[in-house]
Amino acid sequence: MSRTTATVLRLALLGLISAFAACNQVPTTATGSTSSVAAATTPSSTPTTSVTGNTTASTSNVAFFAGSYSINQPATKVVVSVHRSGATATTASVKYTTAPGTALAGTDYASANGTLQWTENDTTDKSITVSVMPAAFSGQKTFTVTLSDPSSGTQIASPGSATVTISGSASASAGTLELADATYAVAENGGRVTISVNRSAGAVGAASVSYATRNGTATAGKDYMATEGTLQWLDGEGAAKSFVVPIIKATPYSGERTFAVTLTDASAGALLGDPSNATVAITGDASPPVGTLQLAATQYNVAQNVGSVPVRVTRTGGSRGAVSVSYATRGGSAVAGTNFTATSGTLTWEDGDDSSKGFAVVISKAKAFVGDKSFAVVLSTPTGGAGIGSPGSATVSIAGDAVSPPAGAAWGYYDGTFNWGGDYSWNVALNYEDTSGEPLSGAHDLKVSLTGQWGGWQPFMCSGVAAPLPACIALYDYPLGDFTYLTFALKPTVANQQWSAQFIAVGDKGIPCNYANPYPISGAGVDVLAYGPAPVVGQWATYKIPLAAFCVGPGTSNVNVYKFHIQDQTGLASNTWYVDNVGFE
């Protein structure tokens, strides 16, 4: 075989091999759904979710909110949402990861992966945030975000992946479109709020951007009118454009309600700047009420021995702002300094404070009285816009500790009240308003404390004052024939207690039954124990002695009697006993 022939055969064989290889080549194509993700933008298409395969009522479906997203440089991030539907009674999870396309991880965007999780009955959308690199480029670049590895009972619905398109800024001569402010404020009665959009960094070619409102605490149709549309700029036009959102004034409210304004879908060549979202705050017409200040009660009833009476002041109907109110007592039948302590001051509340405040008025028991005495508590001078509500005043009624003495007798001492002219007592210390002896009647008794032997309590009579109470008893030139007995109660603190009692005439003379021959009082007197029970330590006993035993009484008118005494007969230098309910019957 010649060299030429061999060469031809080899070429023919190579051609057959190449043809065979070409006939057996298998082409590769990408299949599946796509979606897009954009920071501060809306998805490029209407969100749809379709489920293929075996689906039951107990299956939880997860899918991207939309199939494609776009973002314009110089935006720094893109956010894509994943939606859950179907059965939601159990927990669910799904993994996600980014994959490069014409956009490269680390150059055009930062790769991201992780796991999205839902709790039981959780249907909230979950977000995936992917950072976009600042390096400018021309044209468009894409990358994908894909869902995988759903948890048990969960399946990935369509779209299960999203395509993100980044529009470069290197040749974006159309400029940047952005809101003039990130926050806007308007009153409820303002009628409308104007939102401005700026075009900056270029005005080559026509440009446009979409806008729309979105509910926050303010509700469209109730607090404002839902508004959406598109702003357009002509080639070379760089002035700001604006749109108006009507504000609804219906039912006044207090505080603020907010809604959002969002820019989306900047036209090709134009960039979506920052801010592309703004918050509009509507201030309600109705101011929160300050409230009123009033006493908690119109009447306070207390006993004389209560110590003090607490008075409360309430703040109702509102708590806006700091407020205060003054308070003071005002005398009535009860006298300040005698029956109660005059009290005044100011109560204050801070903003938001609606608790009750109080003060106390001290009640005096120094001077017992019979019946009721009253004084008033009054509020005045409110500040901070507060008013005085009802009641703005209250009455405090004090029930006296003293007991009214029985009728039909002329009482010289009863429940702390001394109705004689004074006393000439000796070798004793006296307490006419004692409470330690557990009084027989009322709240007080007379405590007699010896400071020497044979001490005695010796009151003297009033002159020219008529009985009965409340005037003092007049025994000087007084017709004792109007009475038959002297009565009093005694309580000893030692065993074998003895007392004597005696009337004394003018000149400190005893009164014998023979009026023609008065004798000195030394050694004279009536044995008290002969007219009542034997004394028992710590117990009261009442003694009722006929006046005849003192040689006074019926048939002895105009006898000059002006003193009376009860004398200790124990011989002790130190002793204490108590007296109560001394009078004539």
Protein backbone atom coordinates (compact mmCIF):
# COMPACT_ATOMS: atom_id res chain seq x y z
CA MET A 1 0.00 0.00 0.00
CA SER A 2 1.32 3.34 -0.95
CA ARG A 3 1.81 6.21 1.54
CA THR A 4 -0.90 8.21 -0.25
CA THR A 5 -3.44 5.43 0.04
CA ALA A 6 -2.77 4.95 3.77
CA THR A 7 -3.23 8.62 4.43
CA VAL A 8 -6.59 8.65 2.69
CA LEU A 9 -7.80 5.65 4.71
CA ARG A 10 -6.82 7.29 8.00
CA LEU A 11 -8.71 10.46 7.14
CA ALA A 12 -11.80 8.47 6.25
CA LEU A 13 -11.65 6.60 9.54
CA LEU A 14 -11.41 9.84 11.56
CA GLY A 15 -14.40 11.21 9.75
CA LEU A 16 -16.48 8.16 10.66
CA ILE A 17 -15.50 8.44 14.31
CA SER A 18 -16.46 12.14 14.42
CA ALA A 19 -19.80 11.48 12.83
CA PHE A 20 -20.54 8.72 15.31
CA ALA A 21 -19.73 10.97 18.26
CA ALA A 22 -21.93 13.74 16.91
CA CYS A 23 -24.85 11.40 16.52
CA ASN A 24 -24.62 10.27 20.21
CA GLN A 25 -24.24 13.72 21.94
CA VAL A 26 -27.04 14.47 24.63
CA PRO A 27 -28.01 18.20 25.00
CA THR A 28 -28.54 19.72 28.63
CA THR A 29 -31.27 22.35 29.46
CA ALA A 30 -32.24 24.11 32.77
CA THR A 31 -35.81 23.58 33.95
CA GLY A 32 -37.81 24.82 36.89
CA SER A 33 -39.56 27.95 38.20
CA THR A 34 -37.82 31.26 38.98
CA SER A 35 -38.50 34.14 41.34
CA SER A 36 -36.86 37.44 42.19
CA VAL A 37 -35.95 39.28 45.40
CA ALA A 38 -35.55 43.04 45.92
CA ALA A 39 -34.82 45.29 48.85
CA ALA A 40 -37.39 48.08 49.14
CA THR A 41 -39.05 46.89 45.90
CA THR A 42 -42.09 44.87 44.95
CA PRO A 43 -41.81 41.53 43.15
CA SER A 44 -41.64 41.86 39.37
CA SER A 45 -44.68 39.64 38.92
CA THR A 46 -47.90 38.91 40.74
CA PRO A 47 -47.26 36.30 43.46
CA THR A 48 -48.57 32.86 42.54
CA THR A 49 -48.11 29.53 44.25
CA SER A 50 -48.81 26.17 42.60
CA VAL A 51 -48.41 22.73 44.13
CA THR A 52 -47.62 19.63 42.10
CA GLY A 53 -47.34 16.07 43.24
CA ASN A 54 -49.21 14.33 46.03
CA THR A 55 -50.80 16.93 48.32
CA THR A 56 -53.01 16.12 51.32
CA ALA A 57 -54.84 18.24 53.89
CA SER A 58 -52.03 17.53 56.33
CA THR A 59 -49.29 18.86 54.05
CA SER A 60 -47.66 22.25 54.68
CA ASN A 61 -46.58 24.07 51.50
CA VAL A 62 -43.76 26.60 51.32
CA ALA A 63 -42.92 28.73 48.29
CA PHE A 64 -41.39 32.05 47.34
CA PHE A 65 -43.78 34.97 47.41
CA ALA A 66 -43.01 35.71 43.74
CA GLY A 67 -41.00 34.30 40.91
CA SER A 68 -38.71 37.20 40.08
CA TYR A 69 -37.27 40.21 41.85
CA SER A 70 -35.23 43.14 40.64
CA ILE A 71 -33.00 45.67 42.33
CA ASN A 72 -31.07 48.69 41.13
CA GLN A 73 -27.64 49.75 42.23
CA PRO A 74 -26.67 51.38 44.57
CA ALA A 75 -29.15 49.45 46.77
CA THR A 76 -27.22 47.45 49.37
CA LYS A 77 -29.50 44.47 49.97
CA VAL A 78 -32.36 42.46 48.55
CA VAL A 79 -35.09 40.81 50.64
CA VAL A 80 -37.13 37.85 49.40
CA SER A 81 -40.17 36.46 51.23
CA VAL A 82 -41.22 32.83 51.62
CA HIS A 83 -44.90 32.04 52.18
CA ARG A 84 -46.43 29.09 54.03
CA SER A 85 -49.85 27.66 53.13
CA GLY A 86 -51.87 24.48 53.51
CA ALA A 87 -51.72 22.67 56.85
CA THR A 88 -50.15 24.84 59.53
CA ALA A 89 -50.94 22.98 62.74
CA THR A 90 -47.42 21.54 62.98
CA THR A 91 -43.96 23.06 62.81
CA ALA A 92 -42.26 23.41 59.43
CA SER A 93 -38.82 24.26 58.10
CA VAL A 94 -36.99 24.55 54.78
CA LYS A 95 -33.42 25.34 53.80
CA TYR A 96 -32.37 28.03 51.34
CA THR A 97 -29.20 28.87 49.46
CA THR A 98 -28.00 31.29 46.79
CA ALA A 99 -26.35 30.27 43.53
CA PRO A 100 -24.50 32.47 41.03
CA GLY A 101 -25.66 33.23 37.55
CA THR A 102 -24.18 36.13 35.65
CA ALA A 103 -23.87 37.78 39.07
CA LEU A 104 -20.98 36.31 41.04
CA ALA A 105 -20.95 35.64 44.77
CA GLY A 106 -18.41 37.85 46.52
CA THR A 107 -18.29 40.26 43.59
CA ASP A 108 -21.88 41.24 42.94
CA TYR A 109 -23.61 39.81 46.02
CA ALA A 110 -22.78 37.96 49.24
CA SER A 111 -23.72 34.27 49.22
CA ALA A 112 -26.33 33.31 51.80
CA ASN A 113 -27.79 30.07 53.15
CA GLY A 114 -29.75 29.01 56.16
CA THR A 115 -33.01 27.52 57.43
CA LEU A 116 -36.45 29.11 57.68
CA GLN A 117 -38.67 27.81 60.49
CA TRP A 118 -42.38 28.11 61.34
CA THR A 119 -43.93 27.22 64.69
CA GLU A 120 -47.31 25.55 65.08
CA ASN A 121 -50.12 27.58 63.45
CA ASP A 122 -47.54 30.09 62.21
CA THR A 123 -48.47 31.50 58.77
CA THR A 124 -46.28 34.59 58.76
CA ASP A 125 -44.01 35.18 55.78
CA LYS A 126 -40.31 34.57 56.41
CA SER A 127 -37.64 36.78 54.89
CA ILE A 128 -34.25 36.05 53.35
CA THR A 129 -31.88 39.01 53.12
CA VAL A 130 -28.98 38.97 50.64
CA SER A 131 -26.40 41.75 50.66
CA VAL A 132 -25.58 43.42 47.30
CA MET A 133 -21.99 44.54 46.69
CA PRO A 134 -21.32 48.23 45.93
CA ALA A 135 -19.10 47.69 42.87
CA ALA A 136 -20.83 49.40 39.91
CA PHE A 137 -21.34 47.68 36.59
CA SER A 138 -23.31 48.21 33.38
CA GLY A 139 -26.29 46.19 32.30
CA GLN A 140 -27.94 43.48 34.36
CA LYS A 141 -26.69 40.46 36.31
CA THR A 142 -28.65 37.67 37.95
CA PHE A 143 -28.36 35.08 40.70
CA THR A 144 -30.85 32.61 42.19
CA VAL A 145 -32.17 31.71 45.62
CA THR A 146 -33.42 28.14 45.97
CA LEU A 147 -35.45 26.26 48.62
CA SER A 148 -34.50 22.68 49.58
CA ASP A 149 -34.79 19.95 52.23
CA PRO A 150 -38.29 20.64 53.60
CA SER A 151 -39.12 19.11 56.98
CA SER A 152 -41.42 16.12 57.39
CA GLY A 153 -44.97 16.97 56.37
CA THR A 154 -43.76 19.98 54.37
CA GLN A 155 -43.27 20.26 50.62
CA ILE A 156 -41.83 22.94 48.37
CA ALA A 157 -44.49 24.46 46.15
CA SER A 158 -43.96 26.54 43.04
CA PRO A 159 -42.06 28.86 42.81
CA GLY A 160 -39.38 27.01 44.73
CA SER A 161 -36.60 29.20 43.44
CA ALA A 162 -36.22 32.92 42.78
CA THR A 163 -34.16 34.84 40.25
CA VAL A 164 -32.75 38.16 41.40
CA THR A 165 -31.85 40.71 38.72
CA ILE A 166 -29.39 43.47 39.64
CA SER A 167 -29.40 46.50 37.36
CA GLY A 168 -25.97 48.09 37.32
CA SER A 169 -25.39 51.79 37.83
CA ALA A 170 -22.28 52.39 35.77
CA SER A 171 -24.28 53.80 32.87
CA ALA A 172 -27.36 54.94 34.85
CA SER A 173 -27.47 58.39 33.42
CA ALA A 174 -31.25 58.45 33.91
CA GLY A 175 -30.55 59.34 37.55
CA THR A 176 -31.74 58.21 40.97
CA LEU A 177 -35.39 58.40 42.11
CA GLU A 178 -35.99 58.69 45.86
CA LEU A 179 -38.42 60.14 48.40
CA ALA A 180 -37.62 63.63 49.63
CA ASP A 181 -38.09 62.57 53.29
CA ALA A 182 -38.28 59.37 55.29
CA THR A 183 -40.97 60.74 57.61
CA TYR A 184 -43.98 62.99 57.13
CA ALA A 185 -46.38 64.45 59.70
CA VAL A 186 -49.91 65.70 59.21
CA ALA A 187 -52.82 66.59 61.52
CA GLU A 188 -56.05 64.65 61.36
CA ASN A 189 -57.75 67.83 60.14
CA GLY A 190 -54.93 68.62 57.68
CA GLY A 191 -56.92 67.36 54.70
CA ARG A 192 -53.98 65.83 52.82
CA VAL A 193 -50.26 65.17 52.88
CA THR A 194 -48.01 65.85 49.88
CA ILE A 195 -45.21 63.35 49.20
CA SER A 196 -42.29 64.53 47.03
CA VAL A 197 -39.95 62.37 44.93
CA ASN A 198 -36.56 63.70 43.81
CA ARG A 199 -34.61 62.84 40.62
CA SER A 200 -30.89 63.29 41.15
CA ALA A 201 -27.50 62.27 39.73
CA GLY A 202 -28.69 62.43 36.12
CA ALA A 203 -31.65 63.28 33.88
CA VAL A 204 -30.77 61.62 30.56
CA GLY A 205 -33.80 60.02 29.01
CA ALA A 206 -37.28 59.51 30.35
CA ALA A 207 -37.72 57.99 33.81
CA SER A 208 -40.58 56.76 35.95
CA VAL A 209 -41.28 55.19 39.36
CA SER A 210 -44.37 53.64 40.95
CA TYR A 211 -45.70 54.58 44.38
CA ALA A 212 -48.29 53.12 46.75
CA THR A 213 -49.54 53.50 50.33
CA ARG A 214 -49.64 50.68 52.87
CA ASN A 215 -51.50 50.41 56.21
CA GLY A 216 -49.74 50.72 59.52
CA THR A 217 -51.69 51.67 62.64
CA ALA A 218 -53.67 53.96 60.31
CA THR A 219 -56.27 52.21 58.13
CA ALA A 220 -57.01 53.05 54.53
CA GLY A 221 -60.61 54.18 54.08
CA LYS A 222 -60.85 55.15 57.74
CA ASP A 223 -57.84 57.37 58.43
CA TYR A 224 -56.55 58.06 54.91
CA MET A 225 -57.37 57.26 51.28
CA ALA A 226 -55.35 54.43 49.71
CA THR A 227 -53.24 55.97 46.93
CA GLU A 228 -51.09 54.47 44.18
CA GLY A 229 -49.77 55.54 40.77
CA THR A 230 -46.70 56.37 38.68
CA LEU A 231 -44.57 59.52 38.48
CA GLN A 232 -42.88 60.28 35.14
CA TRP A 233 -40.01 62.53 34.07
CA LEU A 234 -39.19 63.60 30.49
CA ASP A 235 -35.71 63.49 29.05
CA GLY A 236 -33.69 66.21 30.75
CA GLU A 237 -36.34 66.92 33.38
CA GLY A 238 -34.82 66.90 36.88
CA ALA A 239 -37.39 68.75 39.02
CA ALA A 240 -39.07 66.93 41.91
CA LYS A 241 -42.47 65.33 41.37
CA SER A 242 -45.12 64.82 44.02
CA PHE A 243 -48.37 63.05 44.76
CA VAL A 244 -51.08 63.67 47.36
CA VAL A 245 -52.59 61.31 49.93
CA PRO A 246 -55.99 62.52 51.26
CA ILE A 247 -56.38 62.40 55.07
CA ILE A 248 -59.80 61.44 56.44
CA LYS A 249 -61.25 63.30 59.41
CA ALA A 250 -64.01 61.13 60.81
CA THR A 251 -63.99 60.17 64.47
CA PRO A 252 -61.43 62.22 66.45
CA TYR A 253 -58.79 60.21 68.26
CA SER A 254 -55.80 60.98 70.44
CA GLY A 255 -52.19 60.13 69.78
CA GLU A 256 -50.70 59.16 66.39
CA ARG A 257 -51.61 56.70 63.64
CA THR A 258 -49.19 55.86 60.85
CA PHE A 259 -49.13 54.47 57.29
CA ALA A 260 -46.29 53.88 54.83
CA VAL A 261 -45.48 55.17 51.34
CA THR A 262 -43.29 52.98 49.11
CA LEU A 263 -41.53 53.56 45.77
CA THR A 264 -41.07 50.59 43.41
CA ASP A 265 -40.28 49.67 39.81
CA ALA A 266 -37.90 52.41 38.76
CA SER A 267 -37.73 52.47 34.98
CA ALA A 268 -34.78 50.96 33.06
CA GLY A 269 -31.67 53.05 33.49
CA ALA A 270 -32.98 54.83 36.60
CA LEU A 271 -31.97 53.83 40.07
CA LEU A 272 -34.20 53.51 43.14
CA GLY A 273 -32.52 55.61 45.82
CA ASP A 274 -32.76 55.87 49.57
CA PRO A 275 -35.22 56.51 51.11
CA SER A 276 -37.65 54.56 48.98
CA ASN A 277 -39.96 54.06 51.96
CA ALA A 278 -41.46 56.75 54.21
CA THR A 279 -43.70 56.79 57.29
CA VAL A 280 -46.59 59.24 57.49
CA ALA A 281 -47.78 60.04 61.04
CA ILE A 282 -51.29 61.44 61.51
CA THR A 283 -51.83 63.31 64.78
CA GLY A 284 -55.38 62.89 66.06
CA ASP A 285 -57.55 65.88 66.84
CA ALA A 286 -58.72 64.59 70.20
CA SER A 287 -56.36 65.50 73.04
CA PRO A 288 -56.21 62.99 75.88
CA PRO A 289 -58.26 64.30 78.83
CA VAL A 290 -56.47 65.72 81.85
CA GLY A 291 -59.07 64.39 84.29
CA THR A 292 -60.80 65.75 87.36
CA LEU A 293 -59.72 65.70 91.02
CA GLN A 294 -62.24 64.99 93.75
CA LEU A 295 -62.57 63.60 97.25
CA ALA A 296 -63.31 59.91 97.52
CA ALA A 297 -66.26 60.50 99.89
CA THR A 298 -68.62 63.26 100.98
CA GLN A 299 -68.79 62.20 104.63
CA TYR A 300 -66.29 60.80 107.11
CA ASN A 301 -67.53 59.59 110.53
CA VAL A 302 -64.93 58.95 113.21
CA ALA A 303 -64.73 58.50 116.96
CA GLN A 304 -62.89 61.07 119.06
CA ASN A 305 -60.33 58.45 120.06
CA VAL A 306 -59.58 57.34 116.45
CA GLY A 307 -56.28 59.21 116.33
CA SER A 308 -56.60 60.50 112.77
CA VAL A 309 -58.92 60.35 109.79
CA PRO A 310 -57.47 59.45 106.35
CA VAL A 311 -58.85 61.46 103.40
CA ARG A 312 -58.39 60.25 99.80
CA VAL A 313 -58.43 62.29 96.57
CA THR A 314 -58.97 60.55 93.21
CA ARG A 315 -58.07 61.46 89.61
CA THR A 316 -60.66 60.22 87.12
CA GLY A 317 -61.60 60.77 83.50
CA GLY A 318 -58.03 61.16 82.21
CA SER A 319 -54.38 61.32 83.21
CA ARG A 320 -52.69 63.54 80.63
CA GLY A 321 -50.09 65.89 82.05
CA ALA A 322 -48.89 66.73 85.54
CA VAL A 323 -51.59 68.19 87.81
CA SER A 324 -52.02 69.21 91.45
CA VAL A 325 -54.71 70.35 93.86
CA SER A 326 -54.62 72.09 97.24
CA TYR A 327 -56.51 70.87 100.30
CA ALA A 328 -57.34 72.42 103.67
CA THR A 329 -59.49 71.85 106.74
CA ARG A 330 -62.17 74.35 107.74
CA GLY A 331 -63.60 74.53 111.27
CA GLY A 332 -67.24 74.05 112.10
CA SER A 333 -68.66 72.95 115.42
CA ALA A 334 -65.33 71.18 115.82
CA VAL A 335 -62.58 73.70 116.57
CA ALA A 336 -59.07 73.47 115.11
CA GLY A 337 -56.50 73.14 117.89
CA THR A 338 -59.10 71.75 120.29
CA ASN A 339 -60.91 68.95 118.46
CA PHE A 340 -58.63 68.45 115.44
CA THR A 341 -55.33 69.70 114.00
CA ALA A 342 -55.65 72.23 111.19
CA THR A 343 -54.23 70.62 108.06
CA SER A 344 -53.42 71.94 104.57
CA GLY A 345 -51.14 71.10 101.67
CA THR A 346 -50.90 70.13 98.00
CA LEU A 347 -51.27 66.76 96.27
CA THR A 348 -49.52 66.21 92.92
CA TRP A 349 -49.84 63.71 90.04
CA GLU A 350 -47.32 63.09 87.24
CA ASP A 351 -48.28 62.64 83.60
CA GLY A 352 -50.09 59.33 83.22
CA ASP A 353 -50.65 58.91 86.96
CA ASP A 354 -54.28 58.23 87.89
CA SER A 355 -53.73 56.70 91.32
CA SER A 356 -55.47 58.09 94.39
CA LYS A 357 -53.55 60.36 96.79
CA GLY A 358 -54.27 61.08 100.41
CA PHE A 359 -53.57 62.98 103.60
CA ALA A 360 -54.57 62.57 107.24
CA VAL A 361 -56.15 64.92 109.78
CA VAL A 362 -55.26 64.34 113.44
CA ILE A 363 -58.28 64.10 115.79
CA SER A 364 -57.74 65.33 119.35
CA LYS A 365 -59.08 63.53 122.40
CA ALA A 366 -57.55 65.94 124.89
CA LYS A 367 -60.92 67.42 125.80
CA ALA A 368 -63.77 64.91 125.78
CA PHE A 369 -67.19 66.12 124.72
CA VAL A 370 -70.69 64.77 124.40
CA GLY A 371 -72.41 64.32 121.03
CA ASP A 372 -70.97 65.10 117.59
CA LYS A 373 -68.78 67.91 116.32
CA SER A 374 -67.82 68.44 112.69
CA PHE A 375 -65.38 70.23 110.39
CA ALA A 376 -64.92 70.35 106.62
CA VAL A 377 -62.18 69.31 104.18
CA VAL A 378 -62.08 71.41 100.99
CA LEU A 379 -60.19 71.07 97.67
CA SER A 380 -59.11 74.18 95.74
CA THR A 381 -56.70 75.62 93.14
CA PRO A 382 -56.26 72.74 90.67
CA THR A 383 -53.37 73.09 88.19
CA GLY A 384 -52.36 71.57 84.86
CA GLY A 385 -55.80 71.94 83.33
CA ALA A 386 -57.47 69.61 85.83
CA GLY A 387 -60.88 70.43 87.23
CA ILE A 388 -62.33 69.81 90.68
CA GLY A 389 -64.94 67.10 90.45
CA SER A 390 -67.70 66.18 92.83
CA PRO A 391 -67.36 66.03 95.76
CA GLY A 392 -64.96 68.92 96.11
CA SER A 393 -65.58 69.11 99.85
CA ALA A 394 -66.44 66.66 102.60
CA THR A 395 -67.67 66.77 106.19
CA VAL A 396 -65.78 65.01 108.98
CA SER A 397 -68.05 64.21 111.95
CA ILE A 398 -66.41 63.39 115.29
CA ALA A 399 -68.38 61.40 117.84
CA GLY A 400 -67.33 62.67 121.31
CA ASP A 401 -65.97 60.28 123.89
CA ALA A 402 -67.78 61.94 126.81
CA VAL A 403 -70.99 60.36 128.10
CA SER A 404 -74.02 62.48 128.97
CA PRO A 405 -74.58 62.32 132.72
CA PRO A 406 -77.90 60.90 133.91
CA ALA A 407 -80.70 63.38 134.54
CA GLY A 408 -82.13 64.09 137.99
CA ALA A 409 -78.81 64.85 139.68
CA ALA A 410 -76.39 67.75 139.95
CA TRP A 411 -73.02 66.35 138.94
CA GLY A 412 -69.84 67.94 140.23
CA TYR A 413 -67.52 65.59 138.30
CA TYR A 414 -68.59 63.33 135.44
CA ASP A 415 -66.47 61.85 132.63
CA GLY A 416 -63.64 64.35 132.93
CA THR A 417 -65.89 67.40 133.37
CA PHE A 418 -65.27 69.29 136.62
CA ASN A 419 -68.21 71.52 137.49
CA TRP A 420 -67.09 72.96 140.82
CA GLY A 421 -65.22 76.19 141.35
CA GLY A 422 -61.75 74.68 141.95
CA ASP A 423 -59.99 72.64 144.57
CA TYR A 424 -58.05 73.10 147.77
CA SER A 425 -56.70 69.55 147.78
CA TRP A 426 -53.68 68.63 149.88
CA ASN A 427 -50.92 66.02 149.74
CA VAL A 428 -52.20 64.75 146.36
CA ALA A 429 -51.53 65.06 142.61
CA LEU A 430 -54.69 65.13 140.51
CA ASN A 431 -55.52 64.16 136.91
CA TYR A 432 -59.08 65.18 136.03
CA GLU A 433 -58.88 63.56 132.56
CA ASP A 434 -57.32 60.25 133.45
CA THR A 435 -57.96 57.15 131.33
CA SER A 436 -55.73 54.62 133.10
CA GLY A 437 -58.33 53.82 135.75
CA GLU A 438 -60.77 52.37 133.18
CA PRO A 439 -63.48 54.95 133.87
CA LEU A 440 -66.83 53.87 135.20
CA SER A 441 -68.66 56.17 132.76
CA GLY A 442 -67.36 57.75 129.57
CA ALA A 443 -63.69 58.07 128.73
CA HIS A 444 -62.23 59.81 131.80
CA ASP A 445 -62.00 59.55 135.55
CA LEU A 446 -60.22 61.48 138.33
CA LYS A 447 -56.90 59.99 139.40
CA VAL A 448 -55.82 60.85 142.97
CA SER A 449 -52.14 60.15 143.71
CA LEU A 450 -50.99 60.74 147.31
CA THR A 451 -47.81 62.72 147.88
CA GLY A 452 -48.04 62.44 151.68
CA GLN A 453 -50.09 60.84 154.47
CA TRP A 454 -53.78 61.61 154.87
CA GLY A 455 -54.01 63.43 151.54
CA GLY A 456 -57.42 64.31 150.19
CA TRP A 457 -59.31 65.67 147.19
CA GLN A 458 -61.10 68.86 148.28
CA PRO A 459 -63.06 70.85 145.68
CA PHE A 460 -64.70 74.13 146.61
CA MET A 461 -68.08 75.39 145.51
CA CYS A 462 -69.15 78.10 143.12
CA SER A 463 -70.87 81.16 144.53
CA GLY A 464 -74.01 82.60 143.04
CA VAL A 465 -74.25 80.08 140.16
CA ALA A 466 -77.34 77.98 139.89
CA ALA A 467 -77.39 74.22 139.42
CA PRO A 468 -77.79 71.89 137.57
CA LEU A 469 -75.11 71.35 134.95
CA PRO A 470 -73.41 72.71 132.97
CA ALA A 471 -72.96 75.56 135.47
CA CYS A 472 -70.88 74.70 138.50
CA ILE A 473 -72.67 73.59 141.65
CA ALA A 474 -73.34 76.45 144.07
CA LEU A 475 -73.28 75.25 147.68
CA TYR A 476 -72.27 78.50 149.29
CA ASP A 477 -75.55 79.74 150.70
CA TYR A 478 -77.15 77.02 148.60
CA PRO A 479 -80.34 75.28 149.88
CA LEU A 480 -79.15 71.72 150.13
CA GLY A 481 -82.70 70.83 150.94
CA ASP A 482 -83.16 70.32 147.20
CA PHE A 483 -81.04 67.16 147.45
CA THR A 484 -81.01 64.15 149.76
CA TYR A 485 -77.82 62.25 148.98
CA LEU A 486 -74.18 62.74 148.06
CA THR A 487 -73.05 59.99 145.61
CA PHE A 488 -69.67 59.08 144.15
CA ALA A 489 -67.73 56.05 142.85
CA LEU A 490 -64.28 54.99 144.09
CA LYS A 491 -61.71 52.43 142.91
CA PRO A 492 -58.75 51.44 145.17
CA THR A 493 -55.36 50.09 144.12
CA VAL A 494 -54.32 48.70 147.52
CA ALA A 495 -55.98 46.35 149.96
CA ASN A 496 -57.69 47.62 153.11
CA GLN A 497 -58.40 50.99 151.53
CA GLN A 498 -60.40 53.39 153.73
CA TRP A 499 -61.81 56.87 153.08
CA SER A 500 -63.65 59.56 154.98
CA ALA A 501 -65.86 62.34 153.55
CA GLN A 502 -66.79 65.70 155.02
CA PHE A 503 -68.39 69.09 154.24
CA ILE A 504 -66.58 72.20 155.38
CA ALA A 505 -68.23 75.47 156.37
CA VAL A 506 -66.90 78.97 155.84
CA GLY A 507 -63.90 79.49 158.08
CA ASP A 508 -62.76 75.89 157.55
CA LYS A 509 -65.09 74.68 160.28
CA GLY A 510 -66.74 71.32 160.54
CA ILE A 511 -70.53 71.19 160.46
CA PRO A 512 -71.95 69.47 163.59
CA CYS A 513 -75.55 68.67 164.00
CA ASN A 514 -75.56 71.37 166.73
CA TYR A 515 -75.27 74.42 164.47
CA ALA A 516 -74.81 76.74 167.44
CA ASN A 517 -71.40 75.29 168.23
CA PRO A 518 -69.35 74.50 165.07
CA TYR A 519 -66.19 72.55 165.74
CA PRO A 520 -62.87 72.29 163.87
CA ILE A 521 -62.66 69.71 161.09
CA SER A 522 -59.72 67.81 162.61
CA GLY A 523 -60.73 64.22 163.25
CA ALA A 524 -64.21 64.75 161.87
CA GLY A 525 -65.81 63.09 158.86
CA VAL A 526 -68.11 60.31 157.73
CA ASP A 527 -66.83 56.76 157.20
CA VAL A 528 -67.41 56.23 153.47
CA LEU A 529 -67.40 52.43 153.73
CA ALA A 530 -70.49 52.57 155.96
CA TYR A 531 -72.53 53.55 152.90
CA GLY A 532 -71.41 51.04 150.27
CA PRO A 533 -69.57 47.79 149.67
CA ALA A 534 -66.18 46.90 151.04
CA PRO A 535 -63.51 48.07 148.57
CA VAL A 536 -61.94 45.52 146.20
CA VAL A 537 -58.63 46.31 144.53
CA GLY A 538 -59.19 47.31 140.88
CA GLN A 539 -63.00 47.44 141.10
CA TRP A 540 -65.37 50.39 141.14
CA ALA A 541 -67.88 50.76 143.93
CA THR A 542 -70.58 53.44 144.28
CA TYR A 543 -71.27 55.06 147.65
CA LYS A 544 -74.49 56.96 148.40
CA ILE A 545 -74.35 58.92 151.67
CA PRO A 546 -77.41 60.76 153.07
CA LEU A 547 -76.72 64.46 153.50
CA ALA A 548 -78.14 64.12 156.99
CA ALA A 549 -75.01 62.14 157.90
CA PHE A 550 -73.06 65.37 157.33
CA CYS A 551 -75.60 67.40 159.32
CA VAL A 552 -76.68 69.13 156.13
CA GLY A 553 -79.62 68.56 153.86
CA PRO A 554 -83.35 68.94 154.51
CA GLY A 555 -84.07 71.55 157.21
CA THR A 556 -80.55 73.01 157.04
CA SER A 557 -81.01 75.79 154.49
CA ASN A 558 -78.56 78.67 154.38
CA VAL A 559 -75.77 76.67 155.96
CA ASN A 560 -72.50 78.19 154.78
CA VAL A 561 -71.09 75.09 153.09
CA TYR A 562 -68.33 75.78 150.59
CA LYS A 563 -65.94 72.79 150.61
CA PHE A 564 -66.19 69.05 150.39
CA HIS A 565 -63.48 66.42 150.58
CA ILE A 566 -62.74 62.71 150.30
CA GLN A 567 -59.71 61.87 152.41
CA ASP A 568 -57.39 58.84 152.39
CA GLN A 569 -57.45 57.00 155.70
CA THR A 570 -54.86 54.26 155.03
CA GLY A 571 -51.99 56.21 156.58
CA LEU A 572 -49.84 55.47 153.52
CA ALA A 573 -47.52 58.18 152.24
CA SER A 574 -47.89 56.92 148.67
CA ASN A 575 -51.15 55.59 147.32
CA THR A 576 -53.41 55.94 144.29
CA TRP A 577 -57.18 55.71 143.95
CA TYR A 578 -59.74 56.82 141.40
CA VAL A 579 -62.92 58.89 141.65
CA ASP A 580 -65.85 59.12 139.21
CA ASN A 581 -69.47 60.28 139.00
CA VAL A 582 -69.56 62.74 141.92
CA GLY A 583 -72.87 64.51 142.43
CA PHE A 584 -76.03 65.23 144.45
CA GLU A 585 -79.33 63.43 144.16
